[in-house]
Protein backbone atom coordinates (compact mmCIF):
# COMPACT_ATOMS: atom_id res chain seq x y z
CA MET A 1 104.88 104.39 32.91
CA ALA A 2 102.20 106.19 34.91
CA ALA A 3 103.04 109.52 36.43
CA ARG A 4 103.20 109.74 40.17
CA LYS A 5 100.75 112.09 41.80
CA THR A 6 101.84 114.51 44.44
CA ASP A 7 100.10 114.82 47.77
CA ARG A 8 98.55 118.10 46.74
CA GLU A 9 96.75 116.61 43.72
CA ILE A 10 93.38 116.14 45.40
CA PRO A 11 90.60 115.02 43.06
CA LYS A 12 87.33 116.93 42.91
CA VAL A 13 84.07 115.25 43.90
CA THR A 14 80.56 116.02 42.79
CA LEU A 15 78.20 117.58 45.29
CA ASN A 16 75.77 115.09 46.78
CA ARG A 17 73.88 114.56 50.01
CA GLU A 18 76.41 112.07 51.37
CA ASN A 19 79.55 114.21 51.14
CA LEU A 20 77.66 117.30 52.26
CA LYS A 21 76.48 115.35 55.30
CA LYS A 22 80.06 114.37 56.10
CA SER A 23 81.20 117.97 55.61
CA VAL A 24 78.64 119.24 58.11
CA ARG A 25 80.21 116.87 60.65
CA LEU A 26 83.24 119.16 60.70
CA PHE A 27 81.22 121.64 62.72
CA ARG A 28 81.15 119.05 65.52
CA TYR A 29 84.84 119.83 65.92
CA MET A 30 83.93 123.45 66.61
CA SER A 31 83.13 124.20 70.24
CA LYS A 32 80.09 126.38 70.92
CA PRO A 33 82.28 129.45 71.50
CA ASN A 34 84.10 128.77 68.24
CA ARG A 35 80.82 128.46 66.35
CA GLY A 36 79.92 131.89 67.63
CA LEU A 37 83.31 133.21 66.55
CA PHE A 38 82.85 131.65 63.12
CA ALA A 39 79.46 133.36 62.76
CA LEU A 40 80.99 136.64 63.93
CA GLY A 41 83.82 136.23 61.41
CA THR A 42 81.24 135.70 58.67
CA LEU A 43 79.51 138.93 59.74
CA PHE A 44 82.84 140.75 59.54
CA LEU A 45 83.31 139.22 56.09
CA ALA A 46 79.96 140.66 54.98
CA ILE A 47 80.90 144.09 56.36
CA SER A 48 84.27 144.13 54.55
CA ALA A 49 82.59 142.92 51.33
CA GLY A 50 79.99 145.70 51.65
CA ALA A 51 82.74 148.22 52.23
CA SER A 52 84.59 147.09 49.12
CA ILE A 53 81.51 147.49 46.95
CA LEU A 54 81.22 151.13 48.09
CA PHE A 55 84.64 151.86 46.58
CA PRO A 56 83.32 152.36 43.00
CA LYS A 57 80.45 154.53 44.31
CA LEU A 58 82.86 156.87 46.12
CA LEU A 59 85.12 157.13 43.08
CA GLY A 60 82.12 158.04 40.95
CA ASN A 61 81.05 160.69 43.45
CA MET A 62 84.57 162.08 43.47
CA MET A 63 84.49 162.45 39.68
CA ASP A 64 81.12 164.16 39.92
CA GLY A 65 82.82 166.62 42.24
CA VAL A 66 85.15 167.52 39.38
CA PHE A 67 82.54 167.68 36.58
CA VAL A 68 79.62 169.85 37.75
CA TYR A 69 76.47 169.70 35.59
CA LYS A 70 74.35 172.76 34.77
CA ASP A 71 71.42 172.92 32.40
CA GLY A 72 72.53 169.72 30.72
CA GLY A 73 75.97 171.16 30.00
CA VAL A 74 79.26 170.30 31.61
CA THR A 75 81.56 172.84 33.21
CA THR A 76 85.05 172.23 34.54
CA ALA A 77 84.58 174.09 37.79
CA PRO A 78 85.51 171.54 40.52
CA SER A 79 83.86 171.26 43.91
CA THR A 80 86.87 171.14 46.24
CA GLU A 81 84.79 170.72 49.35
CA ARG A 82 82.99 167.74 47.84
CA ILE A 83 86.28 166.09 46.86
CA GLN A 84 87.70 166.59 50.37
CA GLU A 85 84.52 165.17 51.89
CA ILE A 86 84.73 162.04 49.72
CA ALA A 87 88.44 161.69 50.51
CA GLY A 88 87.46 161.53 54.17
CA TYR A 89 84.95 158.81 53.35
CA PHE A 90 87.76 156.87 51.62
CA VAL A 91 89.83 157.00 54.80
CA ILE A 92 86.90 155.65 56.81
CA LEU A 93 86.22 153.00 54.15
CA PHE A 94 89.82 151.76 54.11
CA ALA A 95 89.96 151.71 57.90
CA VAL A 96 86.73 149.67 58.08
CA GLN A 97 88.01 147.24 55.47
CA ALA A 98 91.40 146.87 57.18
CA VAL A 99 89.97 146.36 60.67
CA PHE A 100 87.18 143.97 59.72
CA SER A 101 89.38 142.00 57.30
CA PHE A 102 91.96 141.54 60.06
CA LEU A 103 89.28 140.48 62.55
CA ARG A 104 87.70 138.07 60.05
CA ILE A 105 91.02 136.42 59.20
CA SER A 106 92.02 136.19 62.87
CA LEU A 107 88.71 134.59 63.87
CA TYR A 108 88.67 132.16 60.94
CA VAL A 109 92.26 131.09 61.58
CA ARG A 110 91.60 130.54 65.29
CA VAL A 111 88.43 128.54 64.67
CA THR A 112 90.04 126.52 61.86
CA GLU A 113 93.15 125.65 63.85
CA ASP A 114 91.06 124.47 66.81
CA MET A 115 88.88 122.45 64.46
CA THR A 116 91.73 120.82 62.54
CA LYS A 117 93.55 120.01 65.78
CA GLY A 118 90.57 117.92 66.86
CA LEU A 119 90.30 116.44 63.38
CA ARG A 120 94.00 115.53 63.31
CA THR A 121 93.80 113.97 66.76
CA ASP A 122 90.78 111.83 65.89
CA LEU A 123 92.38 110.85 62.58
CA PHE A 124 95.63 109.80 64.26
CA GLU A 125 93.79 107.93 67.01
CA SER A 126 91.78 106.09 64.37
CA VAL A 127 94.86 105.22 62.30
CA VAL A 128 96.86 103.80 65.21
CA SER A 129 93.77 101.87 66.34
CA GLN A 130 93.24 100.16 62.98
CA ASN A 131 93.96 96.48 62.51
CA MET A 132 96.86 95.25 60.43
CA HIS A 133 94.59 94.57 57.46
CA PHE A 134 94.06 98.34 57.16
CA PHE A 135 97.80 98.93 56.83
CA GLY A 136 98.05 96.14 54.31
CA GLU A 137 95.36 97.74 52.16
CA ASN A 138 96.57 101.36 52.49
CA ARG A 139 100.07 102.45 51.56
CA THR A 140 101.99 104.59 54.01
CA GLY A 141 102.12 107.47 51.53
CA GLU A 142 98.34 107.44 51.19
CA ILE A 143 97.88 107.55 54.95
CA LEU A 144 100.38 110.41 55.26
CA SER A 145 98.49 112.23 52.51
CA ARG A 146 95.40 112.32 54.74
CA PHE A 147 97.41 114.17 57.39
CA SER A 148 99.23 116.48 54.98
CA ALA A 149 97.32 117.18 51.76
CA ASP A 150 93.76 116.58 52.96
CA ILE A 151 94.04 118.41 56.28
CA ALA A 152 95.88 121.28 54.54
CA GLN A 153 93.11 121.46 51.94
CA ILE A 154 90.49 121.68 54.71
CA GLN A 155 92.52 124.38 56.45
CA ASP A 156 92.90 126.41 53.27
CA THR A 157 89.19 126.22 52.56
CA PHE A 158 88.02 127.30 56.00
CA THR A 159 90.58 130.10 56.33
CA THR A 160 90.65 131.35 52.74
CA ASN A 161 88.63 129.62 50.01
CA LEU A 162 85.28 129.59 51.80
CA ALA A 163 85.68 133.24 52.79
CA PHE A 164 86.56 134.23 49.22
CA PHE A 165 83.64 132.22 47.86
CA LEU A 166 81.16 133.90 50.22
CA ARG A 167 82.74 137.27 49.50
CA GLN A 168 82.42 136.77 45.75
CA ILE A 169 78.74 135.88 46.14
CA LEU A 170 78.06 138.94 48.30
CA VAL A 171 79.97 141.26 45.96
CA MET A 172 78.22 139.81 42.91
CA ILE A 173 74.73 140.18 44.41
CA ALA A 174 75.35 143.65 45.82
CA GLY A 175 77.12 144.73 42.62
CA ILE A 176 74.25 143.64 40.37
CA ILE A 177 71.77 145.49 42.60
CA LEU A 178 73.87 148.66 42.49
CA ILE A 179 74.41 148.32 38.75
CA PHE A 180 70.66 148.33 38.13
CA THR A 181 70.26 151.19 40.60
CA THR A 182 72.91 153.20 38.75
CA SER A 183 71.62 152.61 35.21
CA SER A 184 69.07 149.97 34.35
CA GLU A 185 69.59 150.60 30.63
CA LEU A 186 73.33 149.94 30.70
CA ALA A 187 72.73 147.06 33.11
CA LEU A 188 70.59 145.29 30.52
CA TYR A 189 73.33 145.76 27.93
CA MET A 190 75.86 144.39 30.43
CA LEU A 191 73.76 141.33 31.20
CA ALA A 192 73.44 140.66 27.49
CA SER A 193 77.22 140.70 26.93
CA ILE A 194 79.40 140.15 29.98
CA PRO A 195 77.92 136.82 31.19
CA VAL A 196 78.30 135.27 27.74
CA VAL A 197 81.94 136.31 27.63
CA VAL A 198 82.56 135.09 31.19
CA VAL A 199 80.92 131.71 30.55
CA VAL A 200 82.92 131.17 27.35
CA ALA A 201 86.06 132.22 29.24
CA LEU A 202 85.34 129.68 31.97
CA PHE A 203 85.00 126.84 29.49
CA PHE A 204 88.10 128.00 27.64
CA GLY A 205 89.95 128.18 30.97
CA LYS A 206 88.84 124.66 31.87
CA PHE A 207 90.26 123.41 28.57
CA ILE A 208 93.54 125.22 29.26
CA ARG A 209 93.72 123.65 32.76
CA LYS A 210 93.20 120.21 31.25
CA ILE A 211 96.12 120.72 28.87
CA SER A 212 98.23 122.09 31.72
CA LYS A 213 97.43 119.00 33.79
CA GLU A 214 98.61 116.78 30.93
CA VAL A 215 101.87 118.75 30.76
CA GLN A 216 102.27 118.32 34.53
CA ASP A 217 101.82 114.57 34.16
CA ILE A 218 104.47 114.42 31.44
CA THR A 219 106.79 116.50 33.61
CA ALA A 220 106.17 114.04 36.44
CA GLN A 221 107.13 111.19 34.11
CA ASN A 222 110.35 113.02 33.35
CA ASN A 223 111.04 113.33 37.05
CA VAL A 224 110.31 109.63 37.56
CA ILE A 225 112.98 108.76 35.00
CA VAL A 226 115.47 110.99 36.84
CA GLU A 227 114.50 109.47 40.20
CA GLU A 228 114.72 105.88 38.99
CA THR A 229 118.01 106.44 37.20
CA SER A 230 119.56 108.23 40.19
CA SER A 231 118.42 105.67 42.76
CA GLY A 232 119.45 102.77 40.51
CA ILE A 233 122.66 104.29 39.22
CA ILE A 234 124.65 101.19 40.21
CA ASN A 235 122.51 99.05 37.90
CA VAL A 236 122.69 101.66 35.16
CA LYS A 237 126.48 101.65 35.21
CA ALA A 238 126.81 97.92 35.84
CA PHE A 239 124.82 97.21 32.66
CA SER A 240 126.41 100.12 30.72
CA ASN A 241 122.97 101.60 30.07
CA GLU A 242 123.86 105.28 30.30
CA THR A 243 123.01 105.74 26.60
CA PHE A 244 119.73 103.87 26.99
CA GLU A 245 118.64 106.01 29.94
CA THR A 246 119.69 109.22 28.16
CA SER A 247 117.67 108.16 25.12
CA ARG A 248 114.66 107.35 27.29
CA TYR A 249 114.84 110.73 28.98
CA THR A 250 115.41 112.61 25.71
CA GLU A 251 112.39 110.95 24.11
CA ASN A 252 110.17 111.98 27.01
CA ALA A 253 111.71 115.47 27.04
CA ASP A 254 110.84 115.88 23.33
CA PHE A 255 107.27 114.87 24.06
CA LEU A 256 107.18 117.35 26.93
CA LYS A 257 108.48 120.08 24.61
CA ARG A 258 105.75 119.43 22.02
CA GLU A 259 102.97 119.41 24.62
CA SER A 260 104.36 122.53 26.30
CA LEU A 261 104.36 124.36 22.95
CA LYS A 262 100.79 123.22 22.39
CA ARG A 263 99.83 124.59 25.80
CA GLY A 264 101.61 127.85 25.03
CA TYR A 265 99.71 128.31 21.75
CA TRP A 266 96.37 127.70 23.44
CA ARG A 267 97.25 130.06 26.30
CA GLY A 268 98.12 132.69 23.69
CA ALA A 269 94.78 132.10 21.98
CA PHE A 270 93.06 132.41 25.35
CA SER A 271 94.78 135.74 26.03
CA SER A 272 93.72 137.00 22.61
CA PHE A 273 90.17 135.92 23.33
CA ILE A 274 90.18 137.86 26.59
CA ILE A 275 91.55 140.97 24.90
CA ILE A 276 89.12 140.89 21.99
CA CYS A 277 85.93 139.70 23.70
CA LEU A 278 86.08 140.77 27.33
CA PHE A 279 87.78 144.11 26.84
CA GLY A 280 85.82 144.65 23.65
CA ALA A 281 82.59 144.26 25.62
CA ILE A 282 83.83 146.70 28.25
CA VAL A 283 84.79 149.26 25.58
CA TRP A 284 81.34 148.80 24.00
CA LEU A 285 79.68 149.55 27.34
CA ILE A 286 81.89 152.60 27.83
CA TYR A 287 80.94 153.79 24.32
CA LEU A 288 77.25 153.45 25.09
CA GLY A 289 77.71 155.11 28.47
CA LEU A 290 79.62 158.07 27.04
CA GLY A 291 76.79 158.54 24.58
CA MET A 292 74.41 158.76 27.51
CA VAL A 293 76.77 161.25 29.23
CA GLN A 294 76.87 163.45 26.11
CA ALA A 295 73.10 163.35 25.93
CA GLY A 296 72.94 164.50 29.56
CA ARG A 297 71.21 161.30 30.68
CA MET A 298 74.03 160.19 33.00
CA PRO A 299 76.71 162.01 35.00
CA ILE A 300 80.29 160.99 34.21
CA GLY A 301 80.76 159.84 37.79
CA GLU A 302 77.86 157.41 37.52
CA LEU A 303 79.34 155.96 34.33
CA PHE A 304 82.68 155.50 36.08
CA ASN A 305 80.86 153.91 39.03
CA PHE A 306 78.93 151.62 36.68
CA MET A 307 82.03 150.41 34.86
CA LEU A 308 83.91 149.68 38.10
CA LEU A 309 80.91 147.79 39.47
CA THR A 310 80.75 145.80 36.22
CA ALA A 311 84.44 144.90 36.61
CA PHE A 312 83.81 143.87 40.23
CA VAL A 313 80.88 141.65 39.23
CA GLY A 314 82.81 140.09 36.34
CA ALA A 315 85.83 139.39 38.57
CA SER A 316 83.55 137.86 41.20
CA MET A 317 81.90 135.56 38.67
CA GLY A 318 85.29 134.44 37.37
CA GLY A 319 86.75 133.99 40.88
CA MET A 320 83.79 131.92 42.08
CA ALA A 321 84.59 129.18 39.60
CA GLU A 322 88.10 128.57 41.00
CA GLN A 323 86.86 128.76 44.60
CA PHE A 324 84.10 126.30 43.79
CA VAL A 325 86.72 123.88 42.42
CA GLN A 326 88.65 124.19 45.68
CA ILE A 327 85.50 123.56 47.69
CA GLN A 328 84.83 120.43 45.62
CA LYS A 329 88.35 119.24 46.40
CA THR A 330 87.75 119.98 50.06
CA LEU A 331 84.61 117.85 50.05
CA GLY A 332 86.74 114.99 48.72
CA ALA A 333 89.37 115.59 51.41
CA ILE A 334 86.72 115.65 54.15
CA GLU A 335 85.17 112.46 52.83
CA ARG A 336 88.48 110.57 52.89
CA VAL A 337 89.38 111.82 56.38
CA ILE A 338 85.95 111.05 57.85
CA ASP A 339 85.96 107.60 56.22
CA ILE A 340 89.15 106.73 58.11
CA ILE A 341 87.83 108.19 61.36
CA ASP A 342 84.66 106.10 60.95
CA SER A 343 86.57 102.92 60.06
CA PRO A 344 86.03 100.07 62.55
CA ARG A 345 88.91 99.88 65.00
CA GLU A 346 90.58 96.83 66.43
CA THR A 347 90.46 98.09 70.02
CA ASN A 348 88.80 95.52 72.26
CA HIS A 349 86.90 97.40 74.93
CA SER A 350 86.38 94.28 77.05
CA GLN A 351 87.07 94.91 80.73
CA GLU A 352 88.23 91.33 81.30
CA THR A 353 91.91 91.21 82.17
CA GLN A 354 94.09 88.23 82.87
CA GLU A 355 97.79 87.85 83.58
CA ILE A 356 99.80 85.77 81.13
CA SER A 357 100.60 83.17 83.75
CA GLN A 358 98.96 80.14 82.16
CA THR A 359 99.66 78.00 79.11
CA ILE A 360 98.77 79.55 75.77
CA THR A 361 97.15 77.03 73.43
CA PHE A 362 96.61 77.16 69.67
CA GLN A 363 93.56 75.03 68.88
CA ASN A 364 92.86 73.93 65.29
CA ILE A 365 94.03 77.25 63.85
CA GLN A 366 93.28 77.92 60.18
CA PHE A 367 94.34 81.28 58.81
CA ALA A 368 94.61 83.15 55.51
CA TYR A 369 95.50 86.80 55.15
CA PRO A 370 92.48 89.00 54.28
CA SER A 371 94.16 90.12 51.07
CA ARG A 372 94.59 86.48 49.97
CA PRO A 373 91.61 84.61 51.49
CA GLU A 374 91.99 81.70 49.09
CA SER A 375 95.54 80.88 50.23
CA LEU A 376 95.79 79.27 53.67
CA VAL A 377 98.97 80.23 55.50
CA LEU A 378 98.29 78.13 58.60
CA LYS A 379 96.52 74.77 58.46
CA ASN A 380 95.12 73.04 61.51
CA ILE A 381 97.76 74.32 63.94
CA ASN A 382 97.71 72.76 67.41
CA MET A 383 100.52 73.75 69.76
CA GLU A 384 101.22 75.11 73.25
CA LEU A 385 103.37 77.79 74.82
CA ILE A 386 104.02 76.38 78.30
CA THR A 387 104.11 78.85 81.16
CA GLY A 388 107.64 79.80 82.18
CA LYS A 389 109.19 77.69 79.40
CA THR A 390 110.98 78.49 76.17
CA THR A 391 109.28 77.35 72.99
CA ALA A 392 111.17 77.40 69.69
CA LEU A 393 109.73 77.53 66.19
CA VAL A 394 111.84 76.44 63.24
CA GLY A 395 111.01 76.23 59.57
CA ALA A 396 111.65 77.78 56.18
CA SER A 397 110.68 81.34 55.35
CA GLY A 398 107.02 81.34 54.43
CA SER A 399 106.18 78.32 56.57
CA GLY A 400 104.03 80.44 58.89
CA LYS A 401 106.25 81.13 61.89
CA SER A 402 105.87 84.92 61.93
CA THR A 403 102.18 84.57 61.12
CA LEU A 404 101.73 82.64 64.37
CA THR A 405 103.34 85.58 66.15
CA ALA A 406 100.89 87.98 64.45
CA LEU A 407 97.97 85.86 65.65
CA LEU A 408 99.44 85.71 69.12
CA TYR A 409 99.52 89.50 69.19
CA GLN A 410 95.97 89.54 67.75
CA PHE A 411 97.07 91.57 64.76
CA TYR A 412 94.71 89.24 62.90
CA GLN A 413 92.04 86.78 63.95
CA PRO A 414 92.03 83.18 62.68
CA GLN A 415 89.26 82.10 60.33
CA GLU A 416 88.87 78.87 62.31
CA GLY A 417 89.97 77.70 65.74
CA GLN A 418 91.00 79.84 68.68
CA ILE A 419 93.93 80.77 70.89
CA THR A 420 93.35 80.46 74.62
CA LEU A 421 95.11 81.66 77.74
CA GLY A 422 94.29 78.87 80.14
CA ASN A 423 90.61 78.33 79.34
CA THR A 424 89.96 81.92 78.22
CA PRO A 425 90.03 82.89 74.51
CA ILE A 426 92.49 85.73 74.14
CA SER A 427 90.02 87.50 71.81
CA SER A 428 87.76 88.11 74.83
CA LEU A 429 90.49 89.83 76.87
CA ASN A 430 91.14 93.54 77.08
CA LEU A 431 93.52 94.04 74.16
CA HIS A 432 95.60 96.85 75.66
CA HIS A 433 96.18 95.00 78.93
CA TYR A 434 96.95 91.74 77.10
CA ARG A 435 99.56 93.31 74.79
CA SER A 436 101.10 95.31 77.63
CA GLN A 437 102.44 92.02 79.03
CA MET A 438 104.31 91.14 75.82
CA ALA A 439 107.54 92.20 74.16
CA LEU A 440 108.73 91.54 70.63
CA VAL A 441 112.24 91.63 69.21
CA PRO A 442 111.69 91.32 65.43
CA GLN A 443 114.07 90.15 62.76
CA GLU A 444 114.01 93.51 60.97
CA VAL A 445 114.29 96.13 63.67
CA SER A 446 112.83 99.52 62.80
CA LEU A 447 113.74 102.17 65.34
CA PHE A 448 112.08 105.54 65.75
CA GLY A 449 113.95 108.60 64.54
CA GLY A 450 114.76 109.96 68.01
CA SER A 451 117.66 109.20 70.32
CA ILE A 452 118.94 105.85 71.58
CA TYR A 453 117.60 106.77 75.02
CA GLU A 454 114.09 107.36 73.65
CA ASN A 455 114.12 104.13 71.67
CA ILE A 456 115.05 102.03 74.70
CA ARG A 457 112.58 103.88 76.94
CA TYR A 458 109.79 103.06 74.47
CA GLY A 459 109.62 99.65 76.12
CA LYS A 460 108.58 101.31 79.39
CA PRO A 461 107.93 105.07 79.08
CA ASP A 462 108.04 105.67 82.86
CA ALA A 463 111.36 103.87 83.39
CA SER A 464 114.16 105.59 85.32
CA ASP A 465 117.49 106.55 83.78
CA HIS A 466 119.18 103.85 85.86
CA ALA A 467 116.79 101.17 84.57
CA ILE A 468 117.41 102.25 80.97
CA ARG A 469 121.16 102.12 81.46
CA GLU A 470 120.93 98.66 83.07
CA ALA A 471 118.79 97.38 80.20
CA ALA A 472 121.39 98.60 77.70
CA LYS A 473 124.11 96.97 79.75
CA ASP A 474 122.26 93.62 79.90
CA ALA A 475 121.77 93.76 76.12
CA PHE A 476 125.52 94.39 75.64
CA ALA A 477 124.66 97.73 74.01
CA LEU A 478 126.17 100.02 76.65
CA GLU A 479 129.71 99.75 75.33
CA PHE A 480 128.98 100.98 71.80
CA ILE A 481 126.49 103.57 73.10
CA GLU A 482 129.14 105.18 75.29
CA GLU A 483 131.55 105.28 72.36
CA PHE A 484 129.27 107.81 70.64
CA PRO A 485 130.10 111.44 71.54
CA GLU A 486 126.51 112.08 72.61
CA GLY A 487 126.03 108.71 74.29
CA PHE A 488 122.37 107.89 74.95
CA ASN A 489 121.36 111.17 73.28
CA THR A 490 122.74 110.01 69.92
CA LEU A 491 120.10 110.34 67.21
CA VAL A 492 119.58 107.05 65.37
CA GLY A 493 118.21 108.60 62.17
CA ASP A 494 115.19 107.56 60.14
CA ARG A 495 114.37 103.91 61.00
CA GLY A 496 117.71 103.72 62.80
CA MET A 497 119.74 104.10 59.60
CA LYS A 498 122.71 105.61 61.46
CA LEU A 499 123.24 102.37 63.37
CA SER A 500 124.46 99.02 62.12
CA GLY A 501 122.13 96.03 62.00
CA GLY A 502 123.70 94.52 65.10
CA GLN A 503 123.49 97.78 67.02
CA LYS A 504 119.82 98.20 66.14
CA GLN A 505 119.09 94.65 67.25
CA ARG A 506 120.76 95.17 70.62
CA ILE A 507 118.75 98.38 71.12
CA ALA A 508 115.59 96.36 70.44
CA ILE A 509 116.71 93.70 72.91
CA ALA A 510 117.40 96.39 75.53
CA ARG A 511 113.91 97.72 74.95
CA ALA A 512 112.46 94.24 75.55
CA ILE A 513 114.60 93.76 78.69
CA LEU A 514 113.35 97.09 80.04
CA ARG A 515 109.72 96.08 79.47
CA ASP A 516 110.20 92.94 81.61
CA PRO A 517 107.39 91.11 79.79
CA LYS A 518 105.49 88.03 80.88
CA LEU A 519 105.59 86.76 77.29
CA LEU A 520 108.76 87.34 75.28
CA ILE A 521 108.82 86.81 71.51
CA LEU A 522 112.15 86.68 69.69
CA ASP A 523 111.82 86.60 65.92
CA GLU A 524 115.36 85.95 64.62
CA ALA A 525 116.55 88.30 67.36
CA THR A 526 120.25 87.57 66.83
CA SER A 527 120.29 87.24 63.06
CA ALA A 528 122.14 90.53 62.49
CA LEU A 529 124.85 89.95 65.10
CA ASP A 530 128.38 88.76 64.53
CA SER A 531 129.56 85.65 66.36
CA GLU A 532 131.14 87.51 69.29
CA SER A 533 128.13 89.81 69.81
CA GLU A 534 125.77 86.87 69.47
CA HIS A 535 127.61 85.04 72.23
CA TYR A 536 127.15 87.90 74.70
CA VAL A 537 123.58 88.65 73.64
CA GLN A 538 122.65 84.98 73.95
CA GLN A 539 123.78 85.12 77.56
CA ALA A 540 121.55 88.17 78.12
CA LEU A 541 118.62 86.48 76.40
CA GLN A 542 119.05 83.26 78.40
CA LYS A 543 118.94 85.35 81.56
CA LEU A 544 115.90 87.23 80.29
CA MET A 545 114.06 84.04 79.26
CA HIS A 546 114.69 82.24 82.55
CA ASN A 547 111.36 81.27 84.13
CA ARG A 548 109.58 83.42 81.54
CA THR A 549 107.16 82.26 78.83
CA SER A 550 109.17 82.74 75.64
CA LEU A 551 108.66 82.07 71.96
CA VAL A 552 111.85 81.94 69.90
CA ILE A 553 111.82 81.89 66.10
CA ALA A 554 115.27 81.12 64.75
CA HIS A 555 117.29 79.47 62.03
CA ARG A 556 120.55 79.06 63.91
CA LEU A 557 120.62 75.86 65.95
CA SER A 558 122.68 77.54 68.65
CA THR A 559 119.72 79.73 69.56
CA ILE A 560 117.14 76.96 69.92
CA LYS A 561 118.90 73.80 71.07
CA ASN A 562 118.36 74.70 74.73
CA ALA A 563 114.64 75.38 74.27
CA ASP A 564 112.21 73.40 76.42
CA GLN A 565 110.29 72.39 73.31
CA ILE A 566 110.81 72.78 69.58
CA TRP A 567 108.03 72.90 66.99
CA VAL A 568 109.04 72.28 63.38
CA MET A 569 106.84 73.94 60.74
CA GLN A 570 106.56 73.05 57.08
CA ARG A 571 104.20 74.67 54.57
CA GLY A 572 101.90 76.10 57.22
CA GLN A 573 101.60 72.94 59.29
CA ILE A 574 103.25 71.47 62.37
CA ALA A 575 105.50 68.71 61.06
CA GLU A 576 106.89 67.55 64.42
CA HIS A 577 107.75 68.71 67.90
CA GLY A 578 109.80 67.73 70.92
CA THR A 579 113.01 68.70 72.67
CA HIS A 580 116.29 69.02 70.86
CA HIS A 581 117.48 65.64 72.12
CA GLU A 582 114.18 63.91 71.31
CA LEU A 583 114.11 65.21 67.77
CA VAL A 584 117.78 64.43 67.14
CA ALA A 585 117.26 60.90 68.50
CA ASN A 586 114.66 60.21 65.80
CA PRO A 587 116.58 59.18 62.64
CA ASN A 588 113.60 60.14 60.44
CA SER A 589 113.15 63.53 62.00
CA LEU A 590 113.27 66.57 59.72
CA TYR A 591 115.02 68.39 62.52
CA LYS A 592 117.61 65.56 62.76
CA GLN A 593 118.33 65.79 59.05
CA MET A 594 118.78 69.55 59.38
CA VAL A 595 121.22 69.06 62.25
CA ASP A 596 123.14 66.39 60.36
CA ARG A 597 123.43 68.50 57.27
CA GLN A 598 124.29 71.62 59.27
CA MET A 599 122.46 73.70 56.71
CA ASP A 600 120.11 76.65 56.82
CA PRO A 601 116.57 75.40 57.26
CA ASN A 602 115.52 77.74 54.46
CA ASP A 603 117.50 75.52 52.11
CA PHE A 604 116.28 72.29 53.67
CA PHE A 605 112.59 72.92 54.07
CA ALA A 606 112.28 74.54 50.68
CA SER A 607 113.51 71.36 49.06
C-alpha cells in the first residue's frame, strides 16, 4: 500500500527557463511601492550580513589588545583602552545588526503578505471559475494543497529562505575576501581542505535525507493502517479480524524498526565523519596558524579572526545547500499555482442576456464526459422544457437524468447538438446572468459550514430577514429551526452533518424558494423526507412550481404524476414522453408497467 503524502511534501524541480519565467511573474503581484520596499529590505539584508562578518574581525582585534607584540616576542601586558574601544564597536555592531535585521524582516513580511494575498485571490478566482471537468480531474485535497502547502512554501521562501540564501552568498563572498586579506597562506590551505570536506558532507547528508524520507514513508504506512482500522472498526469487529489487523500493523512496525535502526547507524557514521574530517581539518589549520604565530608571522588575534571567518564560510556553504533545496521546492509550488491561475476558465464574457421566459429545447444532444469520451451518456436527446410548465424526468440511476441537468446549467457542453432558449443557443448567453435565473435542489444536499440563516440566505445574499423567515416557513423548515436553542443561528456543521437528511433538504428547498428562480430544478428533492414531511413539502413545491418553468427528476410517482409532461429515459435515450394519463393509457408503455408494478424505477429500468 502506497504511503500518503502530506501537504507539506512538495517535490523539488530542476531550474529551467520555463519555471524561472513563471517565478518572475510573482513580482507582478508586488505593487511599485512594494518593489521599492523589497529592494530596500535587500539592502538592509546586505548591511546586516556585512555587520555579521565584522564580528570575527573585532574579536581578533580584541585578542590583539590582550597580547601585545614587541620585537617578535609576546608580552602579557594588556591594552585596556584598546579593549574598551573594541567593546564599544561591538555595541554599535549589535545595534546595527538588530535594527537592520528587524527592518529587513518587517519589510519582507509586509511585501510577501501583500503579494500572497493577490496570489491567493487570483488562485481562488481561477478555481471557482473552472469548469466541472477541472474538478473531476483534480481531487479536492490537491486543490486545497495549492492554497495551503504551496502558498505557505512561497511565503516561507520570500520571508526567510530567500533572505538566508542571499545572506549566505554575501557572507561567503565577503568571508573569502577577508580570509585572503588576513592570511593568504592559510587561506590556500583552507581552500585545499575545507571545500572537500564540505562537499563530501553534502553528499553524505543527501544520502541520510534519502534514508530519512524512506523511514517517513514507512511511518506514513503505519499511520494509514491505524487510520483505516479506526475508520473501519465496524468491519474489523464484524469479521473478527482484530488479530489480522494487529499482525498487519506489527509486521509494518518491525519493518519500521529495522529501517529506523539503519538510519540511526548511518547518522552515527555521519556524525563520526564530521568529527574526524571537519573538525580535524579545523584543528590542522589551527596547528599551522599557531606555528605562524610562534614564528612571529601572524598575531594571535589574526589567527582567531581567520578561524572564525573560516567557520562562517563553511557554515554558509553548508546552509546554502538546504536553502537551495527550499528554493527548488518553491519553484515547483509557483509553477503549480501559476498553472491553475492560467487555466482556461468557463466564464462566458458574452454581454448577451435573455430572460428564461421561452421554451428550452434540447436538439440532437450527444454527450460523453471528458474523462470517458468513448462512453456516450446521452444519445440523440430531443426534448423541451415548456415555459411555465412542469417537466418530469424518470428513469433508472445512470440513465442520464442528472447529466441533462448538468448540461442545462452548462457545467459541460455537448459534443453534438445544442440547447436553445427560444431560438438562442444558451452557450452564447452571459453565463452569470443565465445561471442567476436558476435554482437547484439536489438529491444529496451539501450545506456550507455556517449557520442555517447563512445557508438559506445563500439563495439571495441581499434578502431581508423577513424574506428568509418566510422562505423557511414555506419549506416547512421553520418549525424545526425554532426548536433549536439558537434558532436560525444554529451552526449546521461540516456539509450540514449536524442536521438530518430531511432537515438539510428542507433548508435547500427554502434556499430555492428565496431565490424565486425562473427555472427550478428539483433532483430527487423529497427523497430524504418521511411521508408526513413530504406531504407538506410537496404542497410548498407545488406552490413554488405554479406558473414557473420547472424540471423535476424523481422516482416516486407521487412527485411527478401531476407534471405537465413526463419524459422517460432509458440508457441515455428518451424512451417515451407524455402526460401521466397518456402514458398510463398506453398498455405497452414502460411508464405504465412501472405504475402497475408499483416498483422503484431503478429496479424496473435496470432489468
